[in-house]
Amino acid sequence: MERTILSYIEKLPVGYSVVWYHKKKYGVSRTDYNDGKSIKVYAEELGGTDFISLNYYITSKTETVKPCEMPEKKVIDFLNNYELIKPNK
């Protein structure tokens, strides 16, 4: 079964987390709005200049990813390839 974009977004915890993406660390913020019907994800390369920014909207008819000032391909690549770094407990 193919994973959906939403399933990759939902793997990110709400709030702040750190991930590996293309062998670099990124700080990621996920914020949910409207009872989870819209989600903002912003990732910034730690110690670098790269970033990923997107909004995800869920309506009764569709689900849509809206990249912020970058190609959709870049956003999809990030969502498909990041690895969440679990905090030490």
PDB file of N, CA and C in Angstrom:
ATOM      1  N   MET A   1       0.835  -1.186   0.000  1.00  0.00           N
ATOM      2  CA  MET A   1       0.000   0.000   0.000  1.00  0.00           C
ATOM      3  C   MET A   1       0.882   1.253   0.000  1.00  0.00           C
ATOM      4  N   GLU A   2       0.583   2.165  -0.870  1.00  0.00           N
ATOM      5  CA  GLU A   2       1.355   3.413  -0.973  1.00  0.00           C
ATOM      6  C   GLU A   2       0.995   4.351   0.166  1.00  0.00           C
ATOM      7  N   ARG A   3       2.025   4.953   0.749  1.00  0.00           N
ATOM      8  CA  ARG A   3       1.783   5.904   1.833  1.00  0.00           C
ATOM      9  C   ARG A   3       1.356   7.243   1.251  1.00  0.00           C
ATOM     10  N   THR A   4       0.506   7.924   1.965  1.00  0.00           N
ATOM     11  CA  THR A   4       0.034   9.228   1.514  1.00  0.00           C
ATOM     12  C   THR A   4       0.928  10.329   2.074  1.00  0.00           C
ATOM     13  N   ILE A   5       0.844  11.481   1.475  1.00  0.00           N
ATOM     14  CA  ILE A   5       1.593  12.644   1.967  1.00  0.00           C
ATOM     15  C   ILE A   5       1.230  12.907   3.426  1.00  0.00           C
ATOM     16  N   LEU A   6      -0.061  12.810   3.737  1.00  0.00           N
ATOM     17  CA  LEU A   6      -0.499  13.063   5.104  1.00  0.00           C
ATOM     18  C   LEU A   6       0.156  12.096   6.087  1.00  0.00           C
ATOM     19  N   SER A   7       0.332  10.853   5.703  1.00  0.00           N
ATOM     20  CA  SER A   7       0.952   9.893   6.627  1.00  0.00           C
ATOM     21  C   SER A   7       2.384  10.291   6.959  1.00  0.00           C
ATOM     22  N   TYR A   8       3.114  10.868   6.010  1.00  0.00           N
ATOM     23  CA  TYR A   8       4.476  11.340   6.281  1.00  0.00           C
ATOM     24  C   TYR A   8       4.461  12.578   7.183  1.00  0.00           C
ATOM     25  N   ILE A   9       3.501  13.455   6.957  1.00  0.00           N
ATOM     26  CA  ILE A   9       3.380  14.638   7.807  1.00  0.00           C
ATOM     27  C   ILE A   9       3.026  14.221   9.233  1.00  0.00           C
ATOM     28  N   GLU A  10       2.133  13.267   9.370  1.00  0.00           N
ATOM     29  CA  GLU A  10       1.690  12.837  10.700  1.00  0.00           C
ATOM     30  C   GLU A  10       2.792  12.140  11.498  1.00  0.00           C
ATOM     31  N   LYS A  11       3.839  11.648  10.827  1.00  0.00           N
ATOM     32  CA  LYS A  11       4.977  11.070  11.550  1.00  0.00           C
ATOM     33  C   LYS A  11       5.770  12.139  12.300  1.00  0.00           C
ATOM     34  N   LEU A  12       5.651  13.381  11.857  1.00  0.00           N
ATOM     35  CA  LEU A  12       6.309  14.489  12.555  1.00  0.00           C
ATOM     36  C   LEU A  12       5.461  14.874  13.758  1.00  0.00           C
ATOM     37  N   PRO A  13       6.051  14.958  14.939  1.00  0.00           N
ATOM     38  CA  PRO A  13       5.250  15.380  16.090  1.00  0.00           C
ATOM     39  C   PRO A  13       4.855  16.854  15.984  1.00  0.00           C
ATOM     40  N   VAL A  14       3.717  17.183  16.562  1.00  0.00           N
ATOM     41  CA  VAL A  14       3.306  18.583  16.644  1.00  0.00           C
ATOM     42  C   VAL A  14       4.324  19.293  17.532  1.00  0.00           C
ATOM     43  N   GLY A  15       4.734  20.472  17.119  1.00  0.00           N
ATOM     44  CA  GLY A  15       5.764  21.215  17.842  1.00  0.00           C
ATOM     45  C   GLY A  15       7.082  21.109  17.100  1.00  0.00           C
ATOM     46  N   TYR A  16       8.167  21.039  17.855  1.00  0.00           N
ATOM     47  CA  TYR A  16       9.511  21.055  17.272  1.00  0.00           C
ATOM     48  C   TYR A  16      10.142  19.668  17.354  1.00  0.00           C
ATOM     49  N   SER A  17      10.845  19.290  16.293  1.00  0.00           N
ATOM     50  CA  SER A  17      11.610  18.045  16.277  1.00  0.00           C
ATOM     51  C   SER A  17      12.826  18.232  15.374  1.00  0.00           C
ATOM     52  N   VAL A  18      13.698  17.239  15.383  1.00  0.00           N
ATOM     53  CA  VAL A  18      14.896  17.274  14.542  1.00  0.00           C
ATOM     54  C   VAL A  18      14.890  16.023  13.673  1.00  0.00           C
ATOM     55  N   VAL A  19      15.253  16.199  12.393  1.00  0.00           N
ATOM     56  CA  VAL A  19      15.284  15.090  11.436  1.00  0.00           C
ATOM     57  C   VAL A  19      16.598  15.098  10.663  1.00  0.00           C
ATOM     58  N   TRP A  20      16.914  13.954  10.091  1.00  0.00           N
ATOM     59  CA  TRP A  20      17.982  13.857   9.086  1.00  0.00           C
ATOM     60  C   TRP A  20      17.330  13.944   7.723  1.00  0.00           C
ATOM     61  N   TYR A  21      17.933  14.702   6.817  1.00  0.00           N
ATOM     62  CA  TYR A  21      17.472  14.773   5.435  1.00  0.00           C
ATOM     63  C   TYR A  21      18.696  15.000   4.565  1.00  0.00           C
ATOM     64  N   HIS A  22      18.961  14.076   3.671  1.00  0.00           N
ATOM     65  CA  HIS A  22      20.152  14.120   2.814  1.00  0.00           C
ATOM     66  C   HIS A  22      21.427  14.331   3.633  1.00  0.00           C
ATOM     67  N   LYS A  23      21.552  13.559   4.711  1.00  0.00           N
ATOM     68  CA  LYS A  23      22.737  13.538   5.584  1.00  0.00           C
ATOM     69  C   LYS A  23      22.993  14.853   6.320  1.00  0.00           C
ATOM     70  N   LYS A  24      21.945  15.675   6.448  1.00  0.00           N
ATOM     71  CA  LYS A  24      22.051  16.934   7.185  1.00  0.00           C
ATOM     72  C   LYS A  24      20.907  16.997   8.192  1.00  0.00           C
ATOM     73  N   LYS A  25      21.152  17.681   9.314  1.00  0.00           N
ATOM     74  CA  LYS A  25      20.113  17.847  10.322  1.00  0.00           C
ATOM     75  C   LYS A  25      19.255  19.066  10.010  1.00  0.00           C
ATOM     76  N   TYR A  26      17.957  18.885  10.232  1.00  0.00           N
ATOM     77  CA  TYR A  26      16.983  19.960  10.050  1.00  0.00           C
ATOM     78  C   TYR A  26      16.133  20.077  11.308  1.00  0.00           C
ATOM     79  N   GLY A  27      15.888  21.302  11.744  1.00  0.00           N
ATOM     80  CA  GLY A  27      14.909  21.558  12.782  1.00  0.00           C
ATOM     81  C   GLY A  27      13.555  21.735  12.118  1.00  0.00           C
ATOM     82  N   VAL A  28      12.551  21.024  12.612  1.00  0.00           N
ATOM     83  CA  VAL A  28      11.231  21.022  11.975  1.00  0.00           C
ATOM     84  C   VAL A  28      10.162  21.472  12.967  1.00  0.00           C
ATOM     85  N   SER A  29       9.323  22.396  12.519  1.00  0.00           N
ATOM     86  CA  SER A  29       8.165  22.816  13.304  1.00  0.00           C
ATOM     87  C   SER A  29       6.904  22.379  12.577  1.00  0.00           C
ATOM     88  N   ARG A  30       6.030  21.686  13.302  1.00  0.00           N
ATOM     89  CA  ARG A  30       4.720  21.308  12.755  1.00  0.00           C
ATOM     90  C   ARG A  30       3.650  21.932  13.627  1.00  0.00           C
ATOM     91  N   THR A  31       2.738  22.642  12.979  1.00  0.00           N
ATOM     92  CA  THR A  31       1.631  23.282  13.677  1.00  0.00           C
ATOM     93  C   THR A  31       0.335  22.871  12.995  1.00  0.00           C
ATOM     94  N   ASP A  32      -0.619  22.367  13.788  1.00  0.00           N
ATOM     95  CA  ASP A  32      -1.932  21.984  13.266  1.00  0.00           C
ATOM     96  C   ASP A  32      -2.946  23.076  13.599  1.00  0.00           C
ATOM     97  N   TYR A  33      -3.831  23.333  12.652  1.00  0.00           N
ATOM     98  CA  TYR A  33      -4.896  24.324  12.810  1.00  0.00           C
ATOM     99  C   TYR A  33      -6.236  23.689  12.457  1.00  0.00           C
ATOM    100  N   ASN A  34      -7.311  24.310  12.870  1.00  0.00           N
ATOM    101  CA  ASN A  34      -8.670  23.897  12.487  1.00  0.00           C
ATOM    102  C   ASN A  34      -8.920  22.410  12.728  1.00  0.00           C
ATOM    103  N   ASP A  35      -8.619  21.957  13.945  1.00  0.00           N
ATOM    104  CA  ASP A  35      -8.814  20.547  14.312  1.00  0.00           C
ATOM    105  C   ASP A  35      -8.077  19.600  13.363  1.00  0.00           C
ATOM    106  N   GLY A  36      -6.877  20.001  12.940  1.00  0.00           N
ATOM    107  CA  GLY A  36      -6.065  19.151  12.074  1.00  0.00           C
ATOM    108  C   GLY A  36      -6.424  19.212  10.605  1.00  0.00           C
ATOM    109  N   LYS A  37      -7.296  20.121  10.229  1.00  0.00           N
ATOM    110  CA  LYS A  37      -7.698  20.237   8.812  1.00  0.00           C
ATOM    111  C   LYS A  37      -6.715  21.060   7.995  1.00  0.00           C
ATOM    112  N   SER A  38      -5.836  21.801   8.658  1.00  0.00           N
ATOM    113  CA  SER A  38      -4.735  22.470   7.963  1.00  0.00           C
ATOM    114  C   SER A  38      -3.488  22.320   8.832  1.00  0.00           C
ATOM    115  N   ILE A  39      -2.380  22.065   8.171  1.00  0.00           N
ATOM    116  CA  ILE A  39      -1.122  21.778   8.854  1.00  0.00           C
ATOM    117  C   ILE A  39      -0.024  22.590   8.200  1.00  0.00           C
ATOM    118  N   LYS A  40       0.811  23.219   9.017  1.00  0.00           N
ATOM    119  CA  LYS A  40       1.985  23.947   8.518  1.00  0.00           C
ATOM    120  C   LYS A  40       3.223  23.195   8.957  1.00  0.00           C
ATOM    121  N   VAL A  41       4.138  22.972   8.009  1.00  0.00           N
ATOM    122  CA  VAL A  41       5.427  22.342   8.302  1.00  0.00           C
ATOM    123  C   VAL A  41       6.514  23.283   7.795  1.00  0.00           C
ATOM    124  N   TYR A  42       7.468  23.582   8.672  1.00  0.00           N
ATOM    125  CA  TYR A  42       8.610  24.399   8.298  1.00  0.00           C
ATOM    126  C   TYR A  42       9.869  23.713   8.823  1.00  0.00           C
ATOM    127  N   ALA A  43      10.790  23.415   7.920  1.00  0.00           N
ATOM    128  CA  ALA A  43      12.048  22.760   8.292  1.00  0.00           C
ATOM    129  C   ALA A  43      13.203  23.644   7.843  1.00  0.00           C
ATOM    130  N   GLU A  44      14.189  23.775   8.714  1.00  0.00           N
ATOM    131  CA  GLU A  44      15.355  24.609   8.417  1.00  0.00           C
ATOM    132  C   GLU A  44      16.623  23.815   8.685  1.00  0.00           C
ATOM    133  N   GLU A  45      17.529  23.808   7.705  1.00  0.00           N
ATOM    134  CA  GLU A  45      18.803  23.111   7.858  1.00  0.00           C
ATOM    135  C   GLU A  45      19.585  23.734   9.014  1.00  0.00           C
ATOM    136  N   LEU A  46      19.976  22.915   9.966  1.00  0.00           N
ATOM    137  CA  LEU A  46      20.740  23.404  11.110  1.00  0.00           C
ATOM    138  C   LEU A  46      22.184  23.637  10.685  1.00  0.00           C
ATOM    139  N   GLY A  47      22.659  24.862  10.811  1.00  0.00           N
ATOM    140  CA  GLY A  47      24.009  25.203  10.388  1.00  0.00           C
ATOM    141  C   GLY A  47      24.128  25.445   8.894  1.00  0.00           C
ATOM    142  N   GLY A  48      23.001  25.571   8.202  1.00  0.00           N
ATOM    143  CA  GLY A  48      23.024  25.784   6.753  1.00  0.00           C
ATOM    144  C   GLY A  48      21.959  26.773   6.336  1.00  0.00           C
ATOM    145  N   THR A  49      21.688  26.817   5.040  1.00  0.00           N
ATOM    146  CA  THR A  49      20.754  27.807   4.518  1.00  0.00           C
ATOM    147  C   THR A  49      19.495  27.215   3.888  1.00  0.00           C
ATOM    148  N   ASP A  50      19.422  25.895   3.772  1.00  0.00           N
ATOM    149  CA  ASP A  50      18.278  25.276   3.111  1.00  0.00           C
ATOM    150  C   ASP A  50      17.062  25.275   4.033  1.00  0.00           C
ATOM    151  N   PHE A  51      15.871  25.286   3.439  1.00  0.00           N
ATOM    152  CA  PHE A  51      14.642  25.181   4.215  1.00  0.00           C
ATOM    153  C   PHE A  51      13.557  24.533   3.367  1.00  0.00           C
ATOM    154  N   ILE A  52      12.554  24.008   4.049  1.00  0.00           N
ATOM    155  CA  ILE A  52      11.374  23.414   3.430  1.00  0.00           C
ATOM    156  C   ILE A  52      10.169  24.053   4.104  1.00  0.00           C
ATOM    157  N   SER A  53       9.190  24.482   3.316  1.00  0.00           N
ATOM    158  CA  SER A  53       8.014  25.111   3.891  1.00  0.00           C
ATOM    159  C   SER A  53       6.778  24.691   3.106  1.00  0.00           C
ATOM    160  N   LEU A  54       5.758  24.245   3.842  1.00  0.00           N
ATOM    161  CA  LEU A  54       4.538  23.812   3.171  1.00  0.00           C
ATOM    162  C   LEU A  54       3.338  23.952   4.082  1.00  0.00           C
ATOM    163  N   ASN A  55       2.182  24.036   3.441  1.00  0.00           N
ATOM    164  CA  ASN A  55       0.897  23.955   4.123  1.00  0.00           C
ATOM    165  C   ASN A  55       0.154  22.779   3.513  1.00  0.00           C
ATOM    166  N   TYR A  56      -0.614  22.091   4.344  1.00  0.00           N
ATOM    167  CA  TYR A  56      -1.398  20.943   3.890  1.00  0.00           C
ATOM    168  C   TYR A  56      -2.837  21.178   4.323  1.00  0.00           C
ATOM    169  N   TYR A  57      -3.767  21.070   3.372  1.00  0.00           N
ATOM    170  CA  TYR A  57      -5.170  21.362   3.646  1.00  0.00           C
ATOM    171  C   TYR A  57      -6.028  20.136   3.384  1.00  0.00           C
ATOM    172  N   ILE A  58      -6.952  19.871   4.294  1.00  0.00           N
ATOM    173  CA  ILE A  58      -7.888  18.760   4.161  1.00  0.00           C
ATOM    174  C   ILE A  58      -9.294  19.347   4.126  1.00  0.00           C
ATOM    175  N   THR A  59     -10.009  19.090   3.029  1.00  0.00           N
ATOM    176  CA  THR A  59     -11.403  19.520   2.925  1.00  0.00           C
ATOM    177  C   THR A  59     -12.263  18.260   2.788  1.00  0.00           C
ATOM    178  N   SER A  60     -13.561  18.452   2.705  1.00  0.00           N
ATOM    179  CA  SER A  60     -14.454  17.301   2.559  1.00  0.00           C
ATOM    180  C   SER A  60     -14.276  16.610   1.202  1.00  0.00           C
ATOM    181  N   LYS A  61     -13.671  17.305   0.243  1.00  0.00           N
ATOM    182  CA  LYS A  61     -13.534  16.743  -1.098  1.00  0.00           C
ATOM    183  C   LYS A  61     -12.110  16.382  -1.489  1.00  0.00           C
ATOM    184  N   THR A  62     -11.114  16.996  -0.853  1.00  0.00           N
ATOM    185  CA  THR A  62      -9.743  16.786  -1.318  1.00  0.00           C
ATOM    186  C   THR A  62      -8.724  17.060  -0.217  1.00  0.00           C
ATOM    187  N   GLU A  63      -7.510  16.623  -0.473  1.00  0.00           N
ATOM    188  CA  GLU A  63      -6.366  16.958   0.357  1.00  0.00           C
ATOM    189  C   GLU A  63      -5.320  17.568  -0.568  1.00  0.00           C
ATOM    190  N   THR A  64      -4.736  18.690  -0.147  1.00  0.00           N
ATOM    191  CA  THR A  64      -3.835  19.439  -1.017  1.00  0.00           C
ATOM    192  C   THR A  64      -2.592  19.873  -0.271  1.00  0.00           C
ATOM    193  N   VAL A  65      -1.440  19.671  -0.914  1.00  0.00           N
ATOM    194  CA  VAL A  65      -0.185  20.188  -0.380  1.00  0.00           C
ATOM    195  C   VAL A  65       0.137  21.476  -1.140  1.00  0.00           C
ATOM    196  N   LYS A  66       0.480  22.515  -0.397  1.00  0.00           N
ATOM    197  CA  LYS A  66       0.822  23.809  -0.991  1.00  0.00           C
ATOM    198  C   LYS A  66       2.215  24.212  -0.526  1.00  0.00           C
ATOM    199  N   PRO A  67       3.222  24.005  -1.371  1.00  0.00           N
ATOM    200  CA  PRO A  67       4.573  24.460  -1.016  1.00  0.00           C
ATOM    201  C   PRO A  67       4.608  25.982  -0.932  1.00  0.00           C
ATOM    202  N   CYS A  68       5.478  26.485  -0.080  1.00  0.00           N
ATOM    203  CA  CYS A  68       5.636  27.932   0.083  1.00  0.00           C
ATOM    204  C   CYS A  68       6.929  28.365  -0.611  1.00  0.00           C
ATOM    205  N   GLU A  69       6.780  28.979  -1.772  1.00  0.00           N
ATOM    206  CA  GLU A  69       7.898  29.553  -2.519  1.00  0.00           C
ATOM    207  C   GLU A  69       8.989  28.545  -2.862  1.00  0.00           C
ATOM    208  N   MET A  70       8.588  27.319  -3.235  1.00  0.00           N
ATOM    209  CA  MET A  70       9.546  26.303  -3.674  1.00  0.00           C
ATOM    210  C   MET A  70       8.789  25.267  -4.493  1.00  0.00           C
ATOM    211  N   PRO A  71       9.517  24.486  -5.289  1.00  0.00           N
ATOM    212  CA  PRO A  71       8.843  23.470  -6.102  1.00  0.00           C
ATOM    213  C   PRO A  71       8.198  22.381  -5.241  1.00  0.00           C
ATOM    214  N   GLU A  72       7.061  21.896  -5.679  1.00  0.00           N
ATOM    215  CA  GLU A  72       6.383  20.806  -4.975  1.00  0.00           C
ATOM    216  C   GLU A  72       7.276  19.570  -4.897  1.00  0.00           C
ATOM    217  N   LYS A  73       8.082  19.350  -5.927  1.00  0.00           N
ATOM    218  CA  LYS A  73       8.993  18.199  -5.955  1.00  0.00           C
ATOM    219  C   LYS A  73       9.941  18.204  -4.742  1.00  0.00           C
ATOM    220  N   LYS A  74      10.433  19.375  -4.359  1.00  0.00           N
ATOM    221  CA  LYS A  74      11.334  19.493  -3.213  1.00  0.00           C
ATOM    222  C   LYS A  74      10.615  19.115  -1.921  1.00  0.00           C
ATOM    223  N   VAL A  75       9.389  19.585  -1.768  1.00  0.00           N
ATOM    224  CA  VAL A  75       8.587  19.282  -0.577  1.00  0.00           C
ATOM    225  C   VAL A  75       8.299  17.784  -0.492  1.00  0.00           C
ATOM    226  N   ILE A  76       7.894  17.186  -1.604  1.00  0.00           N
ATOM    227  CA  ILE A  76       7.581  15.751  -1.629  1.00  0.00           C
ATOM    228  C   ILE A  76       8.834  14.935  -1.331  1.00  0.00           C
ATOM    229  N   ASP A  77       9.976  15.337  -1.877  1.00  0.00           N
ATOM    230  CA  ASP A  77      11.227  14.626  -1.604  1.00  0.00           C
ATOM    231  C   ASP A  77      11.557  14.671  -0.118  1.00  0.00           C
ATOM    232  N   PHE A  78      11.389  15.825   0.496  1.00  0.00           N
ATOM    233  CA  PHE A  78      11.636  15.948   1.931  1.00  0.00           C
ATOM    234  C   PHE A  78      10.723  15.011   2.713  1.00  0.00           C
ATOM    235  N   LEU A  79       9.427  15.057   2.429  1.00  0.00           N
ATOM    236  CA  LEU A  79       8.474  14.231   3.173  1.00  0.00           C
ATOM    237  C   LEU A  79       8.742  12.739   2.994  1.00  0.00           C
ATOM    238  N   ASN A  80       9.189  12.346   1.817  1.00  0.00           N
ATOM    239  CA  ASN A  80       9.464  10.929   1.544  1.00  0.00           C
ATOM    240  C   ASN A  80      10.783  10.452   2.124  1.00  0.00           C
ATOM    241  N   ASN A  81      11.695  11.355   2.456  1.00  0.00           N
ATOM    242  CA  ASN A  81      13.054  10.936   2.790  1.00  0.00           C
ATOM    243  C   ASN A  81      13.593  11.386   4.141  1.00  0.00           C
ATOM    244  N   TYR A  82      12.865  12.187   4.905  1.00  0.00           N
ATOM    245  CA  TYR A  82      13.399  12.584   6.202  1.00  0.00           C
ATOM    246  C   TYR A  82      13.380  11.388   7.154  1.00  0.00           C
ATOM    247  N   GLU A  83      14.285  11.427   8.139  1.00  0.00           N
ATOM    248  CA  GLU A  83      14.311  10.416   9.207  1.00  0.00           C
ATOM    249  C   GLU A  83      14.249  11.149  10.541  1.00  0.00           C
ATOM    250  N   LEU A  84      13.192  10.898  11.270  1.00  0.00           N
ATOM    251  CA  LEU A  84      13.007  11.540  12.575  1.00  0.00           C
ATOM    252  C   LEU A  84      14.060  11.070  13.553  1.00  0.00           C
ATOM    253  N   ILE A  85      14.709  12.014  14.222  1.00  0.00           N
ATOM    254  CA  ILE A  85      15.677  11.696  15.260  1.00  0.00           C
ATOM    255  C   ILE A  85      14.918  11.649  16.581  1.00  0.00           C
ATOM    256  N   LYS A  86      14.880  10.498  17.187  1.00  0.00           N
ATOM    257  CA  LYS A  86      14.149  10.337  18.449  1.00  0.00           C
ATOM    258  C   LYS A  86      14.962  10.950  19.584  1.00  0.00           C
ATOM    259  N   PRO A  87      14.322  11.749  20.427  1.00  0.00           N
ATOM    260  CA  PRO A  87      15.053  12.316  21.558  1.00  0.00           C
ATOM    261  C   PRO A  87      15.438  11.231  22.560  1.00  0.00           C
ATOM    262  N   ASN A  88      16.575  11.394  23.202  1.00  0.00           N
ATOM    263  CA  ASN A  88      17.000  10.454  24.249  1.00  0.00           C
ATOM    264  C   ASN A  88      16.146  10.677  25.487  1.00  0.00           C
ATOM    265  N   LYS A  89      15.678   9.582  26.041  1.00  0.00           N
ATOM    266  CA  LYS A  89      14.860   9.706  27.259  1.00  0.00           C
ATOM    267  C   LYS A  89      15.499   8.976  28.394  1.00  0.00           C
TER     268      LYS A  89
END
